[in-house]
Structures are given as structure tokens and as C-alpha cells.
């Protein structure tokens, strides 16, 4: 599942990078607003009106709601190693820094952490954000432990 907030399993994409193809149904319909009355862009009295019409619409954040909630609940730290998911000493200041910050965030991997009860049944299924290299380590340890326990 590439976009957790949509709860849609039929999405084509790459699990390693997190990139996925957009569906046409996800595209918002943008309606155009009619110009009021006989308003002219040359009228200096209507400068505020035309400035508000020229402003770009607010873009959606590059992080979905689920990822944002995970970041907030984990305080932007990896649950495996405890280090910051994004290595920054201060918040991004420029649009280029924000873009770089979000690109790094997309590289962070989400992980289904399943805790087991003593009777062997699954107790809790939680999404957690991990570094990609931490995710590989935990998967490698799990696979190695199942190989050792499944021997003759």
C-alpha cells in the first residue's frame, strides 16, 4: 500500500523508494471563478482584488496525513536506532531546503511493527517510520532468525 491515507491497495509503485503512480480519481477538480462585474486589471482601485486572483492556490503538503502523524508521534526519530529521521540542525528556511528535507523524508521507510503476545497471537499492528538501512537490518535479523529456527 503506497498511500496509507487513501487505504487503497491497487496502486502501482516501487516499495523501496515509495514512488507510485497517481490515479486520475485523485486529481482535484479546480473550478474557475468568474470575474465580478466589470472589474478591469487596469483599475487601480481594484489592485487588491486582482492580486488575490493572481495568487497561486495553496499546494498540498508533500507528506500525507498518516506520515505527518507518525512523525509527530515519534518526534521525527527512527524507532530502531533512535536517531533523527532527517539529519538537520535547524528547520528548513528556503524553498530549496524544504524540498531537500521532504525528499529525505520520502526515503524514510515505514515499517509494520507487530508485537506478539505470549500465547503467540499477534497483539498490535502499528506503522512506524524507520531509516531505510534500519529497515534492512531488522528484516535481515528476522529472516536470519527464521532460517535458524526452521532447521531440522
C-alpha atoms as a PDB file:
ATOM      1  CA  UNK A   1       0.000   0.000   0.000  1.00  0.00           C
ATOM      2  CA  UNK A   2       1.784   3.143  -1.165  1.00  0.00           C
ATOM      3  CA  UNK A   3      -0.511   5.852   0.188  1.00  0.00           C
ATOM      4  CA  UNK A   4      -1.792   4.933   3.631  1.00  0.00           C
ATOM      5  CA  UNK A   5      -4.222   7.823   3.929  1.00  0.00           C
ATOM      6  CA  UNK A   6      -6.218   6.551   0.925  1.00  0.00           C
ATOM      7  CA  UNK A   7      -6.380   2.922   2.117  1.00  0.00           C
ATOM      8  CA  UNK A   8      -6.089   1.770  -1.489  1.00  0.00           C
ATOM      9  CA  UNK A   9      -4.169  -1.424  -2.207  1.00  0.00           C
ATOM     10  CA  UNK A  10      -4.407  -1.183  -6.000  1.00  0.00           C
ATOM     11  CA  UNK A  11      -1.648   1.363  -6.532  1.00  0.00           C
ATOM     12  CA  UNK A  12       1.294   0.739  -8.827  1.00  0.00           C
ATOM     13  CA  UNK A  13       4.657   1.793  -7.473  1.00  0.00           C
ATOM     14  CA  UNK A  14       8.030   0.926  -6.022  1.00  0.00           C
ATOM     15  CA  UNK A  15       8.079  -0.189  -2.382  1.00  0.00           C
ATOM     16  CA  UNK A  16      11.756   0.710  -1.896  1.00  0.00           C
ATOM     17  CA  UNK A  17      11.521   4.336  -2.987  1.00  0.00           C
ATOM     18  CA  UNK A  18       7.866   4.909  -2.113  1.00  0.00           C
ATOM     19  CA  UNK A  19       7.127   6.407  -5.530  1.00  0.00           C
ATOM     20  CA  UNK A  20       3.785   5.498  -7.016  1.00  0.00           C
ATOM     21  CA  UNK A  21       1.591   6.333  -9.992  1.00  0.00           C
ATOM     22  CA  UNK A  22      -1.214   8.808  -9.400  1.00  0.00           C
ATOM     23  CA  UNK A  23      -4.752   7.760 -10.215  1.00  0.00           C
ATOM     24  CA  UNK A  24      -6.936  10.151 -12.174  1.00  0.00           C
ATOM     25  CA  UNK A  25      -9.571   9.952  -9.445  1.00  0.00           C
ATOM     26  CA  UNK A  26      -7.105  11.574  -7.002  1.00  0.00           C
ATOM     27  CA  UNK A  27      -6.857  14.745  -9.096  1.00  0.00           C
ATOM     28  CA  UNK A  28      -8.835  17.568  -7.568  1.00  0.00           C
ATOM     29  CA  UNK A  29     -11.289  19.339  -9.817  1.00  0.00           C
ATOM     30  CA  UNK A  30     -10.428  23.032  -9.981  1.00  0.00           C
ATOM     31  CA  UNK A  31     -13.308  25.332 -10.808  1.00  0.00           C
ATOM     32  CA  UNK A  32     -12.634  28.739 -12.307  1.00  0.00           C
ATOM     33  CA  UNK A  33     -14.046  31.805 -10.615  1.00  0.00           C
ATOM     34  CA  UNK A  34     -15.837  34.389 -12.703  1.00  0.00           C
ATOM     35  CA  UNK A  35     -14.598  37.961 -12.656  1.00  0.00           C
ATOM     36  CA  UNK A  36     -17.019  40.102 -10.688  1.00  0.00           C
ATOM     37  CA  UNK A  37     -18.948  42.715 -12.626  1.00  0.00           C
ATOM     38  CA  UNK A  38     -16.922  44.917 -14.921  1.00  0.00           C
ATOM     39  CA  UNK A  39     -13.662  44.613 -12.996  1.00  0.00           C
ATOM     40  CA  UNK A  40     -10.634  45.536 -15.064  1.00  0.00           C
ATOM     41  CA  UNK A  41      -6.995  44.743 -14.262  1.00  0.00           C
ATOM     42  CA  UNK A  42      -6.164  48.334 -15.258  1.00  0.00           C
ATOM     43  CA  UNK A  43      -8.328  49.847 -12.486  1.00  0.00           C
ATOM     44  CA  UNK A  44      -6.005  50.911  -9.618  1.00  0.00           C
ATOM     45  CA  UNK A  45      -8.899  50.766  -7.131  1.00  0.00           C
ATOM     46  CA  UNK A  46      -9.192  47.009  -7.730  1.00  0.00           C
ATOM     47  CA  UNK A  47      -5.476  46.206  -7.299  1.00  0.00           C
ATOM     48  CA  UNK A  48      -6.133  44.081  -4.179  1.00  0.00           C
ATOM     49  CA  UNK A  49      -8.866  42.153  -5.979  1.00  0.00           C
ATOM     50  CA  UNK A  50      -6.588  41.286  -8.896  1.00  0.00           C
ATOM     51  CA  UNK A  51      -3.651  40.462  -6.617  1.00  0.00           C
ATOM     52  CA  UNK A  52      -5.797  37.975  -4.712  1.00  0.00           C
ATOM     53  CA  UNK A  53      -6.898  36.373  -8.002  1.00  0.00           C
ATOM     54  CA  UNK A  54      -3.298  36.043  -9.207  1.00  0.00           C
ATOM     55  CA  UNK A  55      -2.049  34.331  -6.071  1.00  0.00           C
ATOM     56  CA  UNK A  56      -1.276  30.704  -6.597  1.00  0.00           C
ATOM     57  CA  UNK A  57      -3.542  28.280  -4.806  1.00  0.00           C
ATOM     58  CA  UNK A  58      -2.139  26.663  -1.701  1.00  0.00           C
ATOM     59  CA  UNK A  59      -0.314  23.469  -2.602  1.00  0.00           C
ATOM     60  CA  UNK A  60      -0.938  20.256  -0.746  1.00  0.00           C
ATOM     61  CA  UNK A  61       1.844  19.282   1.644  1.00  0.00           C
ATOM     62  CA  UNK A  62       4.230  16.696   0.207  1.00  0.00           C
ATOM     63  CA  UNK A  63       3.688  14.485   3.262  1.00  0.00           C
ATOM     64  CA  UNK A  64       0.340  12.767   3.719  1.00  0.00           C
ATOM     65  CA  UNK A  65      -1.592  12.961   6.979  1.00  0.00           C
ATOM     66  CA  UNK A  66      -0.584   9.471   8.131  1.00  0.00           C
ATOM     67  CA  UNK A  67       3.133  10.154   7.698  1.00  0.00           C
ATOM     68  CA  UNK A  68       2.781  13.522   9.438  1.00  0.00           C
ATOM     69  CA  UNK A  69       1.065  11.860  12.418  1.00  0.00           C
ATOM     70  CA  UNK A  70       3.802   9.224  12.568  1.00  0.00           C
ATOM     71  CA  UNK A  71       6.475  11.924  12.501  1.00  0.00           C
ATOM     72  CA  UNK A  72       4.753  13.798  15.314  1.00  0.00           C
ATOM     73  CA  UNK A  73       4.210  10.718  17.463  1.00  0.00           C
ATOM     74  CA  UNK A  74       7.819   9.550  17.003  1.00  0.00           C
ATOM     75  CA  UNK A  75       9.215  13.080  17.390  1.00  0.00           C
ATOM     76  CA  UNK A  76      10.880  12.604  13.970  1.00  0.00           C
ATOM     77  CA  UNK A  77      13.118   9.814  15.307  1.00  0.00           C
ATOM     78  CA  UNK A  78      13.765   6.326  13.968  1.00  0.00           C
ATOM     79  CA  UNK A  79      12.239   3.685  16.258  1.00  0.00           C
ATOM     80  CA  UNK A  80      15.133   1.298  15.630  1.00  0.00           C
ATOM     81  CA  UNK A  81      18.246   3.426  16.228  1.00  0.00           C
ATOM     82  CA  UNK A  82      16.726   6.493  17.921  1.00  0.00           C
ATOM     83  CA  UNK A  83      18.464   8.939  15.575  1.00  0.00           C
ATOM     84  CA  UNK A  84      16.616  11.719  13.779  1.00  0.00           C
ATOM     85  CA  UNK A  85      14.993  10.542  10.561  1.00  0.00           C
ATOM     86  CA  UNK A  86      16.243  13.686   8.852  1.00  0.00           C
ATOM     87  CA  UNK A  87      19.619  14.995   9.881  1.00  0.00           C
ATOM     88  CA  UNK A  88      19.050  18.714  10.297  1.00  0.00           C
ATOM     89  CA  UNK A  89      20.378  21.040  12.956  1.00  0.00           C
ATOM     90  CA  UNK A  90      17.699  23.661  12.249  1.00  0.00           C
ATOM     91  CA  UNK A  91      14.359  23.785  10.442  1.00  0.00           C
ATOM     92  CA  UNK A  92      14.484  24.434   6.677  1.00  0.00           C
ATOM     93  CA  UNK A  93      14.467  28.134   5.783  1.00  0.00           C
ATOM     94  CA  UNK A  94      14.262  28.326   1.989  1.00  0.00           C
ATOM     95  CA  UNK A  95      12.033  26.515  -0.514  1.00  0.00           C
ATOM     96  CA  UNK A  96      15.087  24.589  -1.740  1.00  0.00           C
ATOM     97  CA  UNK A  97      15.853  23.400   1.818  1.00  0.00           C
ATOM     98  CA  UNK A  98      12.222  22.361   2.303  1.00  0.00           C
ATOM     99  CA  UNK A  99      12.329  20.410  -0.950  1.00  0.00           C
ATOM    100  CA  UNK A 100      15.534  18.664   0.116  1.00  0.00           C
ATOM    101  CA  UNK A 101      14.044  17.956   3.567  1.00  0.00           C
ATOM    102  CA  UNK A 102      10.924  16.345   2.093  1.00  0.00           C
ATOM    103  CA  UNK A 103      13.000  14.342  -0.390  1.00  0.00           C
ATOM    104  CA  UNK A 104      14.917  12.930   2.564  1.00  0.00           C
ATOM    105  CA  UNK A 105      11.657  12.236   4.356  1.00  0.00           C
ATOM    106  CA  UNK A 106      10.397  10.170   1.455  1.00  0.00           C
ATOM    107  CA  UNK A 107      13.497   7.988   1.817  1.00  0.00           C
ATOM    108  CA  UNK A 108      12.458   7.147   5.368  1.00  0.00           C
ATOM    109  CA  UNK A 109      10.745   3.815   5.322  1.00  0.00           C
ATOM    110  CA  UNK A 110       7.522   2.889   7.052  1.00  0.00           C
ATOM    111  CA  UNK A 111       7.529  -0.387   8.892  1.00  0.00           C
ATOM    112  CA  UNK A 112       4.785  -2.613  10.215  1.00  0.00           C
ATOM    113  CA  UNK A 113       5.838  -3.440  13.753  1.00  0.00           C
ATOM    114  CA  UNK A 114       3.960  -6.452  15.069  1.00  0.00           C
ATOM    115  CA  UNK A 115       4.305  -7.247  18.738  1.00  0.00           C
ATOM    116  CA  UNK A 116       3.480 -10.799  19.748  1.00  0.00           C
ATOM    117  CA  UNK A 117       1.631 -11.896  22.852  1.00  0.00           C
ATOM    118  CA  UNK A 118       2.936 -14.723  24.997  1.00  0.00           C
ATOM    119  CA  UNK A 119       0.363 -17.101  23.527  1.00  0.00           C
ATOM    120  CA  UNK A 120       1.811 -16.452  20.060  1.00  0.00           C
ATOM    121  CA  UNK A 121      -1.071 -14.435  18.605  1.00  0.00           C
ATOM    122  CA  UNK A 122      -0.471 -11.016  17.141  1.00  0.00           C
ATOM    123  CA  UNK A 123      -1.295  -8.257  19.569  1.00  0.00           C
ATOM    124  CA  UNK A 124      -0.699  -4.972  17.845  1.00  0.00           C
ATOM    125  CA  UNK A 125      -0.062  -3.830  14.291  1.00  0.00           C
ATOM    126  CA  UNK A 126       1.464  -0.372  14.143  1.00  0.00           C
ATOM    127  CA  UNK A 127       3.067   1.679  11.410  1.00  0.00           C
ATOM    128  CA  UNK A 128       6.436   3.127  12.355  1.00  0.00           C
ATOM    129  CA  UNK A 129       8.932   5.220  10.408  1.00  0.00           C
ATOM    130  CA  UNK A 130      12.456   3.825  10.104  1.00  0.00           C
ATOM    131  CA  UNK A 131      15.589   4.676   8.195  1.00  0.00           C
ATOM    132  CA  UNK A 132      15.888   2.518   5.111  1.00  0.00           C
ATOM    133  CA  UNK A 133      19.118   0.971   6.416  1.00  0.00           C
ATOM    134  CA  UNK A 134      17.493   0.215   9.803  1.00  0.00           C
ATOM    135  CA  UNK A 135      14.583  -1.425   7.999  1.00  0.00           C
ATOM    136  CA  UNK A 136      17.013  -3.644   6.092  1.00  0.00           C
ATOM    137  CA  UNK A 137      18.770  -4.608   9.339  1.00  0.00           C
ATOM    138  CA  UNK A 138      15.546  -5.569  11.108  1.00  0.00           C
ATOM    139  CA  UNK A 139      14.300  -7.562   8.117  1.00  0.00           C
ATOM    140  CA  UNK A 140      17.675  -9.299   7.834  1.00  0.00           C
ATOM    141  CA  UNK A 141      17.652 -10.254  11.525  1.00  0.00           C
ATOM    142  CA  UNK A 142      14.088 -11.568  11.281  1.00  0.00           C
ATOM    143  CA  UNK A 143      14.864 -13.624   8.186  1.00  0.00           C
ATOM    144  CA  UNK A 144      18.063 -14.994   9.743  1.00  0.00           C
ATOM    145  CA  UNK A 145      16.224 -15.987  12.929  1.00  0.00           C
ATOM    146  CA  UNK A 146      13.529 -17.813  10.956  1.00  0.00           C
ATOM    147  CA  UNK A 147      16.219 -19.644   8.988  1.00  0.00           C
ATOM    148  CA  UNK A 148      17.937 -20.793  12.193  1.00  0.00           C
ATOM    149  CA  UNK A 149      14.707 -21.868  13.889  1.00  0.00           C
ATOM    150  CA  UNK A 150      13.315 -23.669  10.862  1.00  0.00           C
ATOM    151  CA  UNK A 151      16.241 -26.121  10.696  1.00  0.00           C
ATOM    152  CA  UNK A 152      15.893 -29.920  11.172  1.00  0.00           C
END
